C-alpha atoms as a PDB file:
ATOM      1  CA  UNK A   1       0.000   0.000   0.000  1.00  0.00           C
ATOM      2  CA  UNK A   2       1.550   3.306  -1.077  1.00  0.00           C
ATOM      3  CA  UNK A   3      -0.334   5.512   1.420  1.00  0.00           C
ATOM      4  CA  UNK A   4      -0.031   8.472  -0.927  1.00  0.00           C
ATOM      5  CA  UNK A   5      -2.704  11.087  -1.512  1.00  0.00           C
ATOM      6  CA  UNK A   6      -2.436  12.884  -4.854  1.00  0.00           C
ATOM      7  CA  UNK A   7      -4.501  16.051  -4.793  1.00  0.00           C
ATOM      8  CA  UNK A   8      -5.014  18.544  -7.618  1.00  0.00           C
ATOM      9  CA  UNK A   9      -5.292  22.241  -6.904  1.00  0.00           C
ATOM     10  CA  UNK A  10      -9.016  22.651  -7.273  1.00  0.00           C
ATOM     11  CA  UNK A  11     -11.734  25.109  -6.273  1.00  0.00           C
ATOM     12  CA  UNK A  12     -12.217  25.617  -2.546  1.00  0.00           C
ATOM     13  CA  UNK A  13      -9.181  23.597  -1.374  1.00  0.00           C
ATOM     14  CA  UNK A  14      -6.848  26.527  -0.876  1.00  0.00           C
ATOM     15  CA  UNK A  15      -6.878  30.007   0.686  1.00  0.00           C
ATOM     16  CA  UNK A  16      -4.376  32.778   1.436  1.00  0.00           C
ATOM     17  CA  UNK A  17      -4.957  35.291   4.202  1.00  0.00           C
ATOM     18  CA  UNK A  18      -4.275  38.974   3.870  1.00  0.00           C
ATOM     19  CA  UNK A  19      -3.849  39.450   0.137  1.00  0.00           C
ATOM     20  CA  UNK A  20      -5.382  42.920   0.420  1.00  0.00           C
ATOM     21  CA  UNK A  21      -2.948  44.226   3.039  1.00  0.00           C
ATOM     22  CA  UNK A  22      -4.866  42.799   5.998  1.00  0.00           C
ATOM     23  CA  UNK A  23      -2.919  40.393   8.173  1.00  0.00           C
ATOM     24  CA  UNK A  24      -3.733  37.671  10.713  1.00  0.00           C
ATOM     25  CA  UNK A  25      -2.697  38.240  14.332  1.00  0.00           C
ATOM     26  CA  UNK A  26       0.935  37.120  14.867  1.00  0.00           C
ATOM     27  CA  UNK A  27       1.356  35.167  11.603  1.00  0.00           C
ATOM     28  CA  UNK A  28       4.150  32.568  11.248  1.00  0.00           C
ATOM     29  CA  UNK A  29       7.537  33.602   9.897  1.00  0.00           C
ATOM     30  CA  UNK A  30       7.230  37.021  11.573  1.00  0.00           C
ATOM     31  CA  UNK A  31       4.583  37.931   8.995  1.00  0.00           C
ATOM     32  CA  UNK A  32       7.140  38.259   6.172  1.00  0.00           C
ATOM     33  CA  UNK A  33       4.691  37.173   3.470  1.00  0.00           C
ATOM     34  CA  UNK A  34       1.981  39.495   4.784  1.00  0.00           C
ATOM     35  CA  UNK A  35       3.843  42.709   5.595  1.00  0.00           C
ATOM     36  CA  UNK A  36       4.981  43.430   2.051  1.00  0.00           C
ATOM     37  CA  UNK A  37       2.244  43.545  -0.601  1.00  0.00           C
ATOM     38  CA  UNK A  38       4.636  42.501  -3.377  1.00  0.00           C
ATOM     39  CA  UNK A  39       5.668  39.304  -1.564  1.00  0.00           C
ATOM     40  CA  UNK A  40       2.104  38.535  -0.495  1.00  0.00           C
ATOM     41  CA  UNK A  41       0.847  38.738  -4.085  1.00  0.00           C
ATOM     42  CA  UNK A  42       3.925  37.021  -5.547  1.00  0.00           C
ATOM     43  CA  UNK A  43       3.610  34.093  -3.142  1.00  0.00           C
ATOM     44  CA  UNK A  44      -0.090  33.634  -3.804  1.00  0.00           C
ATOM     45  CA  UNK A  45       0.302  33.830  -7.590  1.00  0.00           C
ATOM     46  CA  UNK A  46       3.263  31.440  -7.613  1.00  0.00           C
ATOM     47  CA  UNK A  47       1.411  28.892  -5.504  1.00  0.00           C
ATOM     48  CA  UNK A  48      -1.571  28.908  -7.838  1.00  0.00           C
ATOM     49  CA  UNK A  49       0.167  29.420 -11.184  1.00  0.00           C
ATOM     50  CA  UNK A  50       2.986  26.907 -10.897  1.00  0.00           C
ATOM     51  CA  UNK A  51       1.642  24.235  -8.617  1.00  0.00           C
ATOM     52  CA  UNK A  52      -1.273  22.242  -9.903  1.00  0.00           C
ATOM     53  CA  UNK A  53      -0.812  19.066  -7.879  1.00  0.00           C
ATOM     54  CA  UNK A  54       0.162  18.145  -4.328  1.00  0.00           C
ATOM     55  CA  UNK A  55       1.182  14.810  -2.853  1.00  0.00           C
ATOM     56  CA  UNK A  56       0.968  13.721   0.758  1.00  0.00           C
ATOM     57  CA  UNK A  57       3.053  10.602   1.424  1.00  0.00           C
ATOM     58  CA  UNK A  58       2.311   8.965   4.774  1.00  0.00           C
ATOM     59  CA  UNK A  59       5.003   6.866   6.466  1.00  0.00           C
ATOM     60  CA  UNK A  60       6.415   5.905   9.847  1.00  0.00           C
ATOM     61  CA  UNK A  61       7.546   8.845  11.980  1.00  0.00           C
ATOM     62  CA  UNK A  62      11.342   8.996  12.218  1.00  0.00           C
ATOM     63  CA  UNK A  63      11.168  10.514  15.717  1.00  0.00           C
ATOM     64  CA  UNK A  64      14.225  12.720  15.254  1.00  0.00           C
ATOM     65  CA  UNK A  65      15.573  14.750  18.177  1.00  0.00           C
ATOM     66  CA  UNK A  66      14.006  18.098  18.991  1.00  0.00           C
ATOM     67  CA  UNK A  67      16.558  20.872  18.473  1.00  0.00           C
ATOM     68  CA  UNK A  68      16.580  24.430  19.838  1.00  0.00           C
ATOM     69  CA  UNK A  69      15.170  27.130  17.551  1.00  0.00           C
ATOM     70  CA  UNK A  70      16.090  28.034  14.799  1.00  0.00           C
ATOM     71  CA  UNK A  71      17.252  24.492  14.028  1.00  0.00           C
ATOM     72  CA  UNK A  72      14.868  21.648  13.369  1.00  0.00           C
ATOM     73  CA  UNK A  73      14.630  18.174  11.886  1.00  0.00           C
ATOM     74  CA  UNK A  74      11.654  16.609  10.103  1.00  0.00           C
ATOM     75  CA  UNK A  75       9.887  14.118  12.349  1.00  0.00           C
ATOM     76  CA  UNK A  76      10.712  15.629  15.731  1.00  0.00           C
ATOM     77  CA  UNK A  77       7.117  16.385  16.776  1.00  0.00           C
ATOM     78  CA  UNK A  78       5.521  12.954  16.308  1.00  0.00           C
ATOM     79  CA  UNK A  79       6.210   9.838  18.382  1.00  0.00           C
ATOM     80  CA  UNK A  80       9.022   7.666  16.976  1.00  0.00           C
ATOM     81  CA  UNK A  81       7.620   4.638  15.151  1.00  0.00           C
ATOM     82  CA  UNK A  82       4.071   6.006  15.016  1.00  0.00           C
ATOM     83  CA  UNK A  83       2.421   6.194  11.634  1.00  0.00           C
ATOM     84  CA  UNK A  84       2.296   2.523  10.706  1.00  0.00           C
ATOM     85  CA  UNK A  85      -0.862   1.559   8.768  1.00  0.00           C
ATOM     86  CA  UNK A  86      -3.626   2.477   9.324  1.00  0.00           C
ATOM     87  CA  UNK A  87      -2.322   5.285  11.563  1.00  0.00           C
ATOM     88  CA  UNK A  88      -1.584   8.606   9.810  1.00  0.00           C
ATOM     89  CA  UNK A  89       0.887  10.311  12.159  1.00  0.00           C
ATOM     90  CA  UNK A  90       3.618  11.493   9.782  1.00  0.00           C
ATOM     91  CA  UNK A  91       3.612  12.623   6.165  1.00  0.00           C
ATOM     92  CA  UNK A  92       5.934  14.351   3.730  1.00  0.00           C
ATOM     93  CA  UNK A  93       4.292  16.905   1.453  1.00  0.00           C
ATOM     94  CA  UNK A  94       5.335  17.942  -2.035  1.00  0.00           C
ATOM     95  CA  UNK A  95       4.071  20.418  -4.605  1.00  0.00           C
ATOM     96  CA  UNK A  96       4.449  19.613  -8.308  1.00  0.00           C
ATOM     97  CA  UNK A  97       4.741  21.745 -11.440  1.00  0.00           C
ATOM     98  CA  UNK A  98       1.854  21.367 -13.854  1.00  0.00           C
ATOM     99  CA  UNK A  99       0.639  18.120 -12.271  1.00  0.00           C
ATOM    100  CA  UNK A 100       3.788  16.189 -13.197  1.00  0.00           C
ATOM    101  CA  UNK A 101       4.701  14.098 -10.160  1.00  0.00           C
ATOM    102  CA  UNK A 102       8.361  13.873 -11.175  1.00  0.00           C
ATOM    103  CA  UNK A 103       8.730  17.686 -10.988  1.00  0.00           C
ATOM    104  CA  UNK A 104       8.727  19.039  -7.452  1.00  0.00           C
ATOM    105  CA  UNK A 105       8.184  22.757  -6.973  1.00  0.00           C
ATOM    106  CA  UNK A 106       9.845  23.401  -3.637  1.00  0.00           C
ATOM    107  CA  UNK A 107      13.031  24.004  -1.740  1.00  0.00           C
ATOM    108  CA  UNK A 108      13.337  22.302   1.594  1.00  0.00           C
ATOM    109  CA  UNK A 109      11.205  19.630   3.187  1.00  0.00           C
ATOM    110  CA  UNK A 110       7.572  19.894   4.246  1.00  0.00           C
ATOM    111  CA  UNK A 111       5.849  17.596   6.735  1.00  0.00           C
ATOM    112  CA  UNK A 112       2.697  16.977   8.760  1.00  0.00           C
ATOM    113  CA  UNK A 113       3.530  15.538  12.194  1.00  0.00           C
ATOM    114  CA  UNK A 114       0.845  14.460  14.664  1.00  0.00           C
ATOM    115  CA  UNK A 115       1.457  15.982  18.102  1.00  0.00           C
ATOM    116  CA  UNK A 116       1.475  13.048  20.569  1.00  0.00           C
ATOM    117  CA  UNK A 117      -0.491  15.027  23.171  1.00  0.00           C
ATOM    118  CA  UNK A 118      -2.843  16.687  20.682  1.00  0.00           C
ATOM    119  CA  UNK A 119      -5.626  14.091  20.957  1.00  0.00           C
ATOM    120  CA  UNK A 120      -5.641  13.700  17.163  1.00  0.00           C
ATOM    121  CA  UNK A 121      -6.643  17.367  16.802  1.00  0.00           C
ATOM    122  CA  UNK A 122      -3.199  18.969  16.423  1.00  0.00           C
ATOM    123  CA  UNK A 123      -0.426  18.621  13.841  1.00  0.00           C
ATOM    124  CA  UNK A 124       2.886  20.361  13.260  1.00  0.00           C
ATOM    125  CA  UNK A 125       3.093  21.671   9.685  1.00  0.00           C
ATOM    126  CA  UNK A 126       6.844  21.367   9.405  1.00  0.00           C
ATOM    127  CA  UNK A 127       8.742  23.629   7.021  1.00  0.00           C
ATOM    128  CA  UNK A 128      12.456  22.820   6.996  1.00  0.00           C
ATOM    129  CA  UNK A 129      15.176  24.553   4.999  1.00  0.00           C
ATOM    130  CA  UNK A 130      18.737  23.330   4.562  1.00  0.00           C
ATOM    131  CA  UNK A 131      21.535  25.892   4.404  1.00  0.00           C
ATOM    132  CA  UNK A 132      25.214  24.888   4.470  1.00  0.00           C
ATOM    133  CA  UNK A 133      24.255  21.382   5.599  1.00  0.00           C
ATOM    134  CA  UNK A 134      22.190  22.525   8.588  1.00  0.00           C
ATOM    135  CA  UNK A 135      18.419  22.086   8.859  1.00  0.00           C
ATOM    136  CA  UNK A 136      16.444  25.163   9.922  1.00  0.00           C
ATOM    137  CA  UNK A 137      12.847  25.351  11.132  1.00  0.00           C
ATOM    138  CA  UNK A 138      11.964  29.032  10.759  1.00  0.00           C
ATOM    139  CA  UNK A 139       8.329  29.043   9.635  1.00  0.00           C
ATOM    140  CA  UNK A 140       6.688  25.819  10.853  1.00  0.00           C
ATOM    141  CA  UNK A 141       3.293  26.225  12.464  1.00  0.00           C
ATOM    142  CA  UNK A 142       0.579  24.182  14.160  1.00  0.00           C
ATOM    143  CA  UNK A 143      -2.502  22.971  12.328  1.00  0.00           C
ATOM    144  CA  UNK A 144      -5.524  22.261  14.495  1.00  0.00           C
ATOM    145  CA  UNK A 145      -8.951  20.937  13.677  1.00  0.00           C
ATOM    146  CA  UNK A 146     -11.405  23.843  13.780  1.00  0.00           C
ATOM    147  CA  UNK A 147     -14.451  22.039  12.323  1.00  0.00           C
ATOM    148  CA  UNK A 148     -15.595  18.452  12.700  1.00  0.00           C
ATOM    149  CA  UNK A 149     -16.820  16.268   9.836  1.00  0.00           C
ATOM    150  CA  UNK A 150     -20.305  17.774  10.130  1.00  0.00           C
ATOM    151  CA  UNK A 151     -19.063  21.370   9.985  1.00  0.00           C
ATOM    152  CA  UNK A 152     -19.504  22.048  13.707  1.00  0.00           C
ATOM    153  CA  UNK A 153     -16.885  24.148  15.550  1.00  0.00           C
ATOM    154  CA  UNK A 154     -14.265  22.214  17.544  1.00  0.00           C
ATOM    155  CA  UNK A 155     -13.434  24.209  20.646  1.00  0.00           C
ATOM    156  CA  UNK A 156     -11.215  25.795  21.789  1.00  0.00           C
ATOM    157  CA  UNK A 157      -9.537  25.685  18.357  1.00  0.00           C
ATOM    158  CA  UNK A 158     -12.366  27.356  16.432  1.00  0.00           C
ATOM    159  CA  UNK A 159     -12.470  30.378  18.754  1.00  0.00           C
ATOM    160  CA  UNK A 160      -8.657  30.628  18.706  1.00  0.00           C
ATOM    161  CA  UNK A 161      -8.686  30.620  14.890  1.00  0.00           C
ATOM    162  CA  UNK A 162     -11.329  33.346  14.776  1.00  0.00           C
ATOM    163  CA  UNK A 163      -9.147  35.517  17.052  1.00  0.00           C
ATOM    164  CA  UNK A 164      -6.072  34.737  14.886  1.00  0.00           C
ATOM    165  CA  UNK A 165      -7.672  35.525  11.528  1.00  0.00           C
ATOM    166  CA  UNK A 166      -9.456  38.541  13.074  1.00  0.00           C
ATOM    167  CA  UNK A 167     -10.044  41.062  10.285  1.00  0.00           C
ATOM    168  CA  UNK A 168      -7.701  39.490   7.711  1.00  0.00           C
ATOM    169  CA  UNK A 169      -9.499  38.736   4.473  1.00  0.00           C
ATOM    170  CA  UNK A 170      -9.045  35.376   2.768  1.00  0.00           C
ATOM    171  CA  UNK A 171      -8.363  35.037  -0.946  1.00  0.00           C
ATOM    172  CA  UNK A 172      -9.992  31.819  -2.170  1.00  0.00           C
ATOM    173  CA  UNK A 173      -9.359  30.148  -5.486  1.00  0.00           C
ATOM    174  CA  UNK A 174     -12.698  29.003  -6.835  1.00  0.00           C
ATOM    175  CA  UNK A 175     -12.700  29.990 -10.519  1.00  0.00           C
ATOM    176  CA  UNK A 176     -15.731  32.291 -10.405  1.00  0.00           C
ATOM    177  CA  UNK A 177     -15.554  35.242 -12.756  1.00  0.00           C
ATOM    178  CA  UNK A 178     -18.241  37.379 -11.136  1.00  0.00           C
ATOM    179  CA  UNK A 179     -16.492  39.859  -8.756  1.00  0.00           C
ATOM    180  CA  UNK A 180     -19.631  40.095  -6.609  1.00  0.00           C
ATOM    181  CA  UNK A 181     -19.348  36.405  -5.769  1.00  0.00           C
END
């Protein structure tokens, strides 16, 4: 069993906060991609224009050591050895140019790591960059479940998200041409 999810970029599966100069409260990466309108727009356009397919490859968590910030290693947040089928505790993510799986559109390594004490509601979205042989973790962030499968708020995460997003507007890709929509 490959345990790989191949997902096209499609309507309603992606959003970017703050494209219009608004910004979430305390965004990851010190708000770099929100504070400068050029970088905010460039990042959003590049994500949509060049990446038409994503893969999520689930595997066993390597359980690497936790290092002091700004260093980091993929697999440090999940429990070592977790993630064997059918458990989904660790995954490596990749973005691909034009839907071609052999062409990755990224620098660094991206992961989803289940927090052992998160009750299945909390994941580390790991973003690791290698420079001069060292692995840095400068912009990783936590993902938490804010809605259940029926669309009901999951507390306290839903209320925390609403405070985080505050007045930041979301740009959604949904292929409608009517500006009023």
